[in-house]
Every structure is written in structure tokens, then in C-alpha cells.
Amino acid sequence: MEAARQYNVHEAEGHLSRILEQVATGEEIGISKAGESIAKVVPHPEVQRTGQGSLAGRIHIADDFDNLPDDIADAFGVR
């Protein structure tokens, strides 16, 4: 997908708020330097959260997770 609007670096510095507003509405904005495209600002994909406990059964925490090796525990002064 081609960027809807192209700004040079100087314009982008001066119009960052406007660029972010455009991106928030779904537009993709290109940034160029010396006539060459160097970046594209795109909307951030929404994080799909399925609720508390959604990773139940998919993550395993070992029983000895909180047991530190002696040298590390000593370095942090926890023994």
C-alpha cells in the first residue's frame, strides 16, 4: 500500500501532531529525505486481549523458578 501523504523530514518535524492524527485515522504517512523515502508511519495494530487467564495451560513455570543459584543470591544480598 502506497503512503497517502509524503512529508520530508523538515515538514515531519514541524507537523508531528498532524501526522499522528492522520495515522490514528488509518492513513499511512511516508517520510522522505533528499527525495528518497526513508520511513513509513503506520497505525499500530490493536492488541487482541482475550481476558484474564487466556494463557492458562500454555505457560509452565518451573517449581524452582524462585530459587537462585548461591553466587547470584549472594551478589544481590538475598542470602
Protein backbone atom coordinates (compact mmCIF):
# COMPACT_ATOMS: atom_id res chain seq x y z
CA MET A 1 0.00 0.00 0.00
CA GLU A 2 1.39 3.38 -1.01
CA ALA A 3 1.55 6.10 1.64
CA ALA A 4 -1.35 8.55 1.31
CA ARG A 5 0.80 11.60 2.12
CA GLN A 6 4.52 12.16 1.90
CA TYR A 7 6.40 14.57 4.17
CA ASN A 8 10.05 15.48 4.01
CA VAL A 9 11.99 15.29 7.28
CA HIS A 10 11.73 19.03 7.93
CA GLU A 11 7.94 19.01 7.39
CA ALA A 12 7.55 15.91 9.55
CA GLU A 13 9.41 17.59 12.42
CA GLY A 14 7.05 20.55 12.27
CA HIS A 15 3.84 18.58 11.76
CA LEU A 16 4.24 15.55 14.01
CA SER A 17 0.89 16.08 15.75
CA ARG A 18 -0.91 16.32 12.41
CA ILE A 19 0.88 13.21 11.14
CA LEU A 20 -0.12 11.25 14.23
CA GLU A 21 -3.74 12.37 13.86
CA GLN A 22 -3.76 11.16 10.25
CA VAL A 23 -2.19 7.84 11.23
CA ALA A 24 -4.74 7.43 14.04
CA THR A 25 -7.49 7.55 11.42
CA GLY A 26 -5.87 4.71 9.48
CA GLU A 27 -3.68 6.58 6.99
CA GLU A 28 -0.10 5.61 6.23
CA ILE A 29 2.34 8.52 6.05
CA GLY A 30 5.67 8.47 4.25
CA ILE A 31 8.77 10.37 5.36
CA SER A 32 11.46 11.25 2.83
CA LYS A 33 14.92 12.77 2.94
CA ALA A 34 16.51 14.34 -0.11
CA GLY A 35 13.64 13.00 -2.20
CA GLU A 36 14.19 9.40 -1.11
CA SER A 37 11.62 7.58 1.01
CA ILE A 38 13.21 6.59 4.33
CA ALA A 39 10.29 5.70 6.62
CA LYS A 40 6.60 4.95 6.79
CA VAL A 41 4.39 5.77 9.78
CA VAL A 42 1.53 3.28 10.03
CA PRO A 43 -1.28 2.67 12.50
CA HIS A 44 -0.35 0.39 15.38
CA PRO A 45 -2.24 -2.90 15.26
CA GLU A 46 -4.66 -3.36 18.12
CA VAL A 47 -3.64 -5.92 20.71
CA GLN A 48 -6.19 -8.69 20.95
CA ARG A 49 -6.74 -9.45 24.62
CA THR A 50 -8.96 -12.38 25.39
CA GLY A 51 -9.23 -11.75 29.12
CA GLN A 52 -7.66 -12.86 32.35
CA GLY A 53 -6.43 -16.43 32.26
CA SER A 54 -6.22 -16.57 28.49
CA LEU A 55 -2.76 -18.19 28.67
CA ALA A 56 -3.81 -20.83 31.19
CA GLY A 57 -2.30 -24.16 30.24
CA ARG A 58 0.04 -22.57 27.70
CA ILE A 59 2.73 -21.35 30.11
CA HIS A 60 4.68 -23.52 32.53
CA ILE A 61 6.64 -22.04 35.42
CA ALA A 62 9.11 -24.46 36.95
CA ASP A 63 8.74 -25.29 40.64
CA ASP A 64 12.24 -23.95 41.33
CA PHE A 65 11.66 -20.68 39.45
CA ASP A 66 12.34 -18.52 42.53
CA ASN A 67 15.43 -20.47 43.66
CA LEU A 68 18.54 -18.50 42.76
CA PRO A 69 21.98 -20.06 42.42
CA ASP A 70 24.08 -19.27 45.52
CA ASP A 71 26.52 -16.96 43.69
CA ILE A 72 23.72 -14.82 42.26
CA ALA A 73 21.81 -14.73 45.54
CA ASP A 74 25.00 -13.62 47.33
CA ALA A 75 25.66 -10.93 44.72
CA PHE A 76 22.19 -9.47 45.36
CA GLY A 77 22.47 -9.93 49.12
CA VAL A 78 19.40 -12.10 49.43
CA ARG A 79 21.05 -14.89 51.46
